[in-house]
Every structure is written in structure tokens, then in C-alpha cells.
Amino acid sequence: MDNKEFEFFIKGKLAENGLNLTRLAEMMGTSHSNISQRLKRGSFNCIELYHIADLLGYGIEWVKRK
């Protein structure tokens, strides 16, 4: 997944949950511009991604490939 696909994926999950970037930023205690720029760059670390998933009611699962 490239940065643009990641951005659309997260925005899609937000929309599915009736949220937007501004609300996500509030939930994470940061600014809309910070979240927006980090989405464009794809610069979230693993812990932040787990946090975002949790805020949206999702879990991230590691599955062993065959």
C-alpha cells in the first residue's frame, strides 16, 4: 500500500464510522493539520496505528503468511 492508498483507506474507515480528520485529531489530542500531513506522508508509527484502529473500534491482527 502506498501513501495515497493509505490516506484513502484511513479516510474511508473514518467515513464508515461517521467521523472526519478533525474529529480523529481531537480524539488523538492533536491538530487537523498534523493528522492530515502525516496521512499524506504515511508517517504514523505502529503504536499510533494501533491507537487509531482502537479509536475506530477495530483491532489489528498479525496473520502468518503461508
PDB file of N, CA and C in Angstrom:
ATOM      1  N   MET A   1       0.858  -1.173   0.000  1.00  0.00           N
ATOM      2  CA  MET A   1       0.000   0.000   0.000  1.00  0.00           C
ATOM      3  C   MET A   1       0.903   1.235   0.000  1.00  0.00           C
ATOM      4  N   ASP A   2       0.645   2.147  -0.912  1.00  0.00           N
ATOM      5  CA  ASP A   2       1.433   3.383  -0.928  1.00  0.00           C
ATOM      6  C   ASP A   2       0.758   4.453  -0.059  1.00  0.00           C
ATOM      7  N   ASN A   3       1.389   5.624   0.049  1.00  0.00           N
ATOM      8  CA  ASN A   3       0.887   6.680   0.933  1.00  0.00           C
ATOM      9  C   ASN A   3      -0.523   7.128   0.561  1.00  0.00           C
ATOM     10  N   LYS A   4      -0.798   7.272  -0.731  1.00  0.00           N
ATOM     11  CA  LYS A   4      -2.118   7.734  -1.175  1.00  0.00           C
ATOM     12  C   LYS A   4      -3.190   6.694  -0.850  1.00  0.00           C
ATOM     13  N   GLU A   5      -2.876   5.426  -1.089  1.00  0.00           N
ATOM     14  CA  GLU A   5      -3.825   4.358  -0.760  1.00  0.00           C
ATOM     15  C   GLU A   5      -4.089   4.307   0.742  1.00  0.00           C
ATOM     16  N   PHE A   6      -3.031   4.500   1.536  1.00  0.00           N
ATOM     17  CA  PHE A   6      -3.172   4.510   2.995  1.00  0.00           C
ATOM     18  C   PHE A   6      -4.073   5.661   3.432  1.00  0.00           C
ATOM     19  N   GLU A   7      -3.860   6.844   2.847  1.00  0.00           N
ATOM     20  CA  GLU A   7      -4.677   8.013   3.173  1.00  0.00           C
ATOM     21  C   GLU A   7      -6.153   7.727   2.867  1.00  0.00           C
ATOM     22  N   PHE A   8      -6.447   7.186   1.690  1.00  0.00           N
ATOM     23  CA  PHE A   8      -7.827   6.876   1.323  1.00  0.00           C
ATOM     24  C   PHE A   8      -8.416   5.783   2.212  1.00  0.00           C
ATOM     25  N   PHE A   9      -7.594   4.809   2.589  1.00  0.00           N
ATOM     26  CA  PHE A   9      -8.052   3.741   3.478  1.00  0.00           C
ATOM     27  C   PHE A   9      -8.497   4.310   4.821  1.00  0.00           C
ATOM     28  N   ILE A  10      -7.650   5.137   5.431  1.00  0.00           N
ATOM     29  CA  ILE A  10      -7.979   5.717   6.744  1.00  0.00           C
ATOM     30  C   ILE A  10      -9.194   6.626   6.627  1.00  0.00           C
ATOM     31  N   LYS A  11      -9.242   7.469   5.602  1.00  0.00           N
ATOM     32  CA  LYS A  11     -10.392   8.358   5.423  1.00  0.00           C
ATOM     33  C   LYS A  11     -11.669   7.553   5.198  1.00  0.00           C
ATOM     34  N   GLY A  12     -11.564   6.423   4.506  1.00  0.00           N
ATOM     35  CA  GLY A  12     -12.715   5.555   4.309  1.00  0.00           C
ATOM     36  C   GLY A  12     -13.215   4.968   5.613  1.00  0.00           C
ATOM     37  N   LYS A  13     -12.281   4.507   6.446  1.00  0.00           N
ATOM     38  CA  LYS A  13     -12.659   3.954   7.748  1.00  0.00           C
ATOM     39  C   LYS A  13     -13.282   5.032   8.628  1.00  0.00           C
ATOM     40  N   LEU A  14     -12.757   6.251   8.558  1.00  0.00           N
ATOM     41  CA  LEU A  14     -13.361   7.355   9.308  1.00  0.00           C
ATOM     42  C   LEU A  14     -14.798   7.579   8.843  1.00  0.00           C
ATOM     43  N   ALA A  15     -14.991   7.639   7.520  1.00  0.00           N
ATOM     44  CA  ALA A  15     -16.325   7.875   6.962  1.00  0.00           C
ATOM     45  C   ALA A  15     -17.294   6.768   7.367  1.00  0.00           C
ATOM     46  N   GLU A  16     -16.834   5.517   7.346  1.00  0.00           N
ATOM     47  CA  GLU A  16     -17.684   4.392   7.756  1.00  0.00           C
ATOM     48  C   GLU A  16     -18.174   4.552   9.192  1.00  0.00           C
ATOM     49  N   ASN A  17     -17.391   5.259   9.994  1.00  0.00           N
ATOM     50  CA  ASN A  17     -17.726   5.453  11.405  1.00  0.00           C
ATOM     51  C   ASN A  17     -18.303   6.834  11.691  1.00  0.00           C
ATOM     52  N   GLY A  18     -18.648   7.580  10.629  1.00  0.00           N
ATOM     53  CA  GLY A  18     -19.258   8.895  10.799  1.00  0.00           C
ATOM     54  C   GLY A  18     -18.309   9.937  11.358  1.00  0.00           C
ATOM     55  N   LEU A  19     -17.021   9.757  11.108  1.00  0.00           N
ATOM     56  CA  LEU A  19     -16.011  10.681  11.635  1.00  0.00           C
ATOM     57  C   LEU A  19     -15.265  11.349  10.486  1.00  0.00           C
ATOM     58  N   ASN A  20     -14.472  12.356  10.823  1.00  0.00           N
ATOM     59  CA  ASN A  20     -13.613  13.014   9.847  1.00  0.00           C
ATOM     60  C   ASN A  20     -12.245  13.258  10.484  1.00  0.00           C
ATOM     61  N   LEU A  21     -11.337  13.841   9.710  1.00  0.00           N
ATOM     62  CA  LEU A  21      -9.976  14.065  10.221  1.00  0.00           C
ATOM     63  C   LEU A  21      -9.959  14.993  11.431  1.00  0.00           C
ATOM     64  N   THR A  22     -10.831  15.979  11.422  1.00  0.00           N
ATOM     65  CA  THR A  22     -10.880  16.908  12.557  1.00  0.00           C
ATOM     66  C   THR A  22     -11.233  16.173  13.839  1.00  0.00           C
ATOM     67  N   ARG A  23     -12.236  15.298  13.766  1.00  0.00           N
ATOM     68  CA  ARG A  23     -12.647  14.538  14.958  1.00  0.00           C
ATOM     69  C   ARG A  23     -11.562  13.560  15.387  1.00  0.00           C
ATOM     70  N   LEU A  24     -10.914  12.901  14.408  1.00  0.00           N
ATOM     71  CA  LEU A  24      -9.810  11.995  14.750  1.00  0.00           C
ATOM     72  C   LEU A  24      -8.697  12.764  15.458  1.00  0.00           C
ATOM     73  N   ALA A  25      -8.373  13.937  14.950  1.00  0.00           N
ATOM     74  CA  ALA A  25      -7.333  14.759  15.572  1.00  0.00           C
ATOM     75  C   ALA A  25      -7.706  15.098  17.014  1.00  0.00           C
ATOM     76  N   GLU A  26      -8.963  15.461  17.236  1.00  0.00           N
ATOM     77  CA  GLU A  26      -9.423  15.764  18.598  1.00  0.00           C
ATOM     78  C   GLU A  26      -9.275  14.541  19.491  1.00  0.00           C
ATOM     79  N   MET A  27      -9.663  13.387  18.977  1.00  0.00           N
ATOM     80  CA  MET A  27      -9.588  12.149  19.749  1.00  0.00           C
ATOM     81  C   MET A  27      -8.143  11.780  20.085  1.00  0.00           C
ATOM     82  N   MET A  28      -7.216  12.176  19.201  1.00  0.00           N
ATOM     83  CA  MET A  28      -5.800  11.867  19.420  1.00  0.00           C
ATOM     84  C   MET A  28      -5.061  12.986  20.133  1.00  0.00           C
ATOM     85  N   GLY A  29      -5.739  14.084  20.396  1.00  0.00           N
ATOM     86  CA  GLY A  29      -5.124  15.200  21.116  1.00  0.00           C
ATOM     87  C   GLY A  29      -4.119  15.965  20.284  1.00  0.00           C
ATOM     88  N   THR A  30      -4.403  16.110  18.994  1.00  0.00           N
ATOM     89  CA  THR A  30      -3.501  16.841  18.111  1.00  0.00           C
ATOM     90  C   THR A  30      -4.328  17.687  17.151  1.00  0.00           C
ATOM     91  N   SER A  31      -3.677  18.297  16.172  1.00  0.00           N
ATOM     92  CA  SER A  31      -4.383  19.186  15.252  1.00  0.00           C
ATOM     93  C   SER A  31      -4.770  18.479  13.958  1.00  0.00           C
ATOM     94  N   HIS A  32      -5.769  19.036  13.301  1.00  0.00           N
ATOM     95  CA  HIS A  32      -6.209  18.522  11.997  1.00  0.00           C
ATOM     96  C   HIS A  32      -5.057  18.558  11.002  1.00  0.00           C
ATOM     97  N   SER A  33      -4.308  19.656  10.985  1.00  0.00           N
ATOM     98  CA  SER A  33      -3.214  19.782  10.013  1.00  0.00           C
ATOM     99  C   SER A  33      -2.120  18.747  10.265  1.00  0.00           C
ATOM    100  N   ASN A  34      -1.855  18.438  11.533  1.00  0.00           N
ATOM    101  CA  ASN A  34      -0.856  17.417  11.864  1.00  0.00           C
ATOM    102  C   ASN A  34      -1.292  16.054  11.319  1.00  0.00           C
ATOM    103  N   ILE A  35      -2.530  15.676  11.587  1.00  0.00           N
ATOM    104  CA  ILE A  35      -3.040  14.386  11.105  1.00  0.00           C
ATOM    105  C   ILE A  35      -3.033  14.360   9.581  1.00  0.00           C
ATOM    106  N   SER A  36      -3.500  15.419   8.963  1.00  0.00           N
ATOM    107  CA  SER A  36      -3.568  15.486   7.507  1.00  0.00           C
ATOM    108  C   SER A  36      -2.195  15.326   6.864  1.00  0.00           C
ATOM    109  N   GLN A  37      -1.207  16.042   7.364  1.00  0.00           N
ATOM    110  CA  GLN A  37       0.145  15.962   6.803  1.00  0.00           C
ATOM    111  C   GLN A  37       0.763  14.588   7.031  1.00  0.00           C
ATOM    112  N   ARG A  38       0.540  14.029   8.204  1.00  0.00           N
ATOM    113  CA  ARG A  38       1.108  12.705   8.490  1.00  0.00           C
ATOM    114  C   ARG A  38       0.455  11.628   7.641  1.00  0.00           C
ATOM    115  N   LEU A  39      -0.855  11.786   7.340  1.00  0.00           N
ATOM    116  CA  LEU A  39      -1.517  10.848   6.440  1.00  0.00           C
ATOM    117  C   LEU A  39      -0.919  10.930   5.039  1.00  0.00           C
ATOM    118  N   LYS A  40      -0.698  12.139   4.568  1.00  0.00           N
ATOM    119  CA  LYS A  40      -0.138  12.323   3.231  1.00  0.00           C
ATOM    120  C   LYS A  40       1.265  11.714   3.125  1.00  0.00           C
ATOM    121  N   ARG A  41       2.045  11.826   4.198  1.00  0.00           N
ATOM    122  CA  ARG A  41       3.410  11.275   4.209  1.00  0.00           C
ATOM    123  C   ARG A  41       3.454   9.806   4.609  1.00  0.00           C
ATOM    124  N   GLY A  42       2.376   9.316   5.224  1.00  0.00           N
ATOM    125  CA  GLY A  42       2.378   7.942   5.732  1.00  0.00           C
ATOM    126  C   GLY A  42       3.348   7.782   6.872  1.00  0.00           C
ATOM    127  N   SER A  43       3.355   8.754   7.784  1.00  0.00           N
ATOM    128  CA  SER A  43       4.386   8.779   8.824  1.00  0.00           C
ATOM    129  C   SER A  43       3.874   8.447  10.226  1.00  0.00           C
ATOM    130  N   PHE A  44       2.899   7.566  10.332  1.00  0.00           N
ATOM    131  CA  PHE A  44       2.459   7.097  11.642  1.00  0.00           C
ATOM    132  C   PHE A  44       3.297   5.885  12.035  1.00  0.00           C
ATOM    133  N   ASN A  45       3.605   5.781  13.320  1.00  0.00           N
ATOM    134  CA  ASN A  45       4.315   4.580  13.758  1.00  0.00           C
ATOM    135  C   ASN A  45       3.299   3.496  14.130  1.00  0.00           C
ATOM    136  N   CYS A  46       3.778   2.327  14.396  1.00  0.00           N
ATOM    137  CA  CYS A  46       2.926   1.172  14.660  1.00  0.00           C
ATOM    138  C   CYS A  46       1.998   1.412  15.848  1.00  0.00           C
ATOM    139  N   ILE A  47       2.502   1.971  16.912  1.00  0.00           N
ATOM    140  CA  ILE A  47       1.693   2.217  18.104  1.00  0.00           C
ATOM    141  C   ILE A  47       0.565   3.192  17.794  1.00  0.00           C
ATOM    142  N   GLU A  48       0.861   4.218  16.998  1.00  0.00           N
ATOM    143  CA  GLU A  48      -0.177   5.183  16.622  1.00  0.00           C
ATOM    144  C   GLU A  48      -1.250   4.529  15.755  1.00  0.00           C
ATOM    145  N   LEU A  49      -0.851   3.614  14.876  1.00  0.00           N
ATOM    146  CA  LEU A  49      -1.823   2.916  14.046  1.00  0.00           C
ATOM    147  C   LEU A  49      -2.730   2.025  14.889  1.00  0.00           C
ATOM    148  N   TYR A  50      -2.158   1.359  15.881  1.00  0.00           N
ATOM    149  CA  TYR A  50      -2.973   0.563  16.801  1.00  0.00           C
ATOM    150  C   TYR A  50      -3.949   1.464  17.544  1.00  0.00           C
ATOM    151  N   HIS A  51      -3.498   2.639  17.935  1.00  0.00           N
ATOM    152  CA  HIS A  51      -4.349   3.601  18.655  1.00  0.00           C
ATOM    153  C   HIS A  51      -5.491   4.076  17.756  1.00  0.00           C
ATOM    154  N   ILE A  52      -5.180   4.430  16.510  1.00  0.00           N
ATOM    155  CA  ILE A  52      -6.213   4.866  15.566  1.00  0.00           C
ATOM    156  C   ILE A  52      -7.227   3.753  15.355  1.00  0.00           C
ATOM    157  N   ALA A  53      -6.751   2.538  15.131  1.00  0.00           N
ATOM    158  CA  ALA A  53      -7.655   1.399  14.945  1.00  0.00           C
ATOM    159  C   ALA A  53      -8.559   1.230  16.160  1.00  0.00           C
ATOM    160  N   ASP A  54      -7.990   1.327  17.345  1.00  0.00           N
ATOM    161  CA  ASP A  54      -8.766   1.176  18.569  1.00  0.00           C
ATOM    162  C   ASP A  54      -9.821   2.275  18.690  1.00  0.00           C
ATOM    163  N   LEU A  55      -9.452   3.508  18.383  1.00  0.00           N
ATOM    164  CA  LEU A  55     -10.408   4.620  18.441  1.00  0.00           C
ATOM    165  C   LEU A  55     -11.588   4.404  17.503  1.00  0.00           C
ATOM    166  N   LEU A  56     -11.337   3.734  16.382  1.00  0.00           N
ATOM    167  CA  LEU A  56     -12.388   3.492  15.393  1.00  0.00           C
ATOM    168  C   LEU A  56     -13.123   2.174  15.631  1.00  0.00           C
ATOM    169  N   GLY A  57     -12.725   1.457  16.682  1.00  0.00           N
ATOM    170  CA  GLY A  57     -13.402   0.212  17.022  1.00  0.00           C
ATOM    171  C   GLY A  57     -12.885  -1.004  16.263  1.00  0.00           C
ATOM    172  N   TYR A  58     -11.651  -0.919  15.770  1.00  0.00           N
ATOM    173  CA  TYR A  58     -11.048  -2.021  15.036  1.00  0.00           C
ATOM    174  C   TYR A  58      -9.870  -2.579  15.825  1.00  0.00           C
ATOM    175  N   GLY A  59      -9.482  -3.777  15.480  1.00  0.00           N
ATOM    176  CA  GLY A  59      -8.270  -4.380  16.011  1.00  0.00           C
ATOM    177  C   GLY A  59      -7.353  -4.700  14.848  1.00  0.00           C
ATOM    178  N   ILE A  60      -6.083  -4.675  15.081  1.00  0.00           N
ATOM    179  CA  ILE A  60      -5.107  -5.055  14.063  1.00  0.00           C
ATOM    180  C   ILE A  60      -4.588  -6.431  14.444  1.00  0.00           C
ATOM    181  N   GLU A  61      -4.637  -7.328  13.500  1.00  0.00           N
ATOM    182  CA  GLU A  61      -4.251  -8.706  13.751  1.00  0.00           C
ATOM    183  C   GLU A  61      -3.068  -9.092  12.854  1.00  0.00           C
ATOM    184  N   TRP A  62      -2.101  -9.733  13.428  1.00  0.00           N
ATOM    185  CA  TRP A  62      -0.965 -10.233  12.665  1.00  0.00           C
ATOM    186  C   TRP A  62      -1.288 -11.670  12.262  1.00  0.00           C
ATOM    187  N   VAL A  63      -1.248 -11.940  10.972  1.00  0.00           N
ATOM    188  CA  VAL A  63      -1.565 -13.261  10.454  1.00  0.00           C
ATOM    189  C   VAL A  63      -0.350 -13.805   9.715  1.00  0.00           C
ATOM    190  N   LYS A  64       0.096 -14.991  10.095  1.00  0.00           N
ATOM    191  CA  LYS A  64       1.226 -15.641   9.467  1.00  0.00           C
ATOM    192  C   LYS A  64       0.873 -16.028   8.026  1.00  0.00           C
ATOM    193  N   ARG A  65       1.706 -15.589   7.076  1.00  0.00           N
ATOM    194  CA  ARG A  65       1.509 -15.972   5.668  1.00  0.00           C
ATOM    195  C   ARG A  65       2.015 -17.373   5.445  1.00  0.00           C
ATOM    196  N   LYS A  66       1.436 -18.032   4.482  1.00  0.00           N
ATOM    197  CA  LYS A  66       1.871 -19.394   4.153  1.00  0.00           C
ATOM    198  C   LYS A  66       2.968 -19.369   3.137  1.00  0.00           C
TER     199      LYS A  66
END
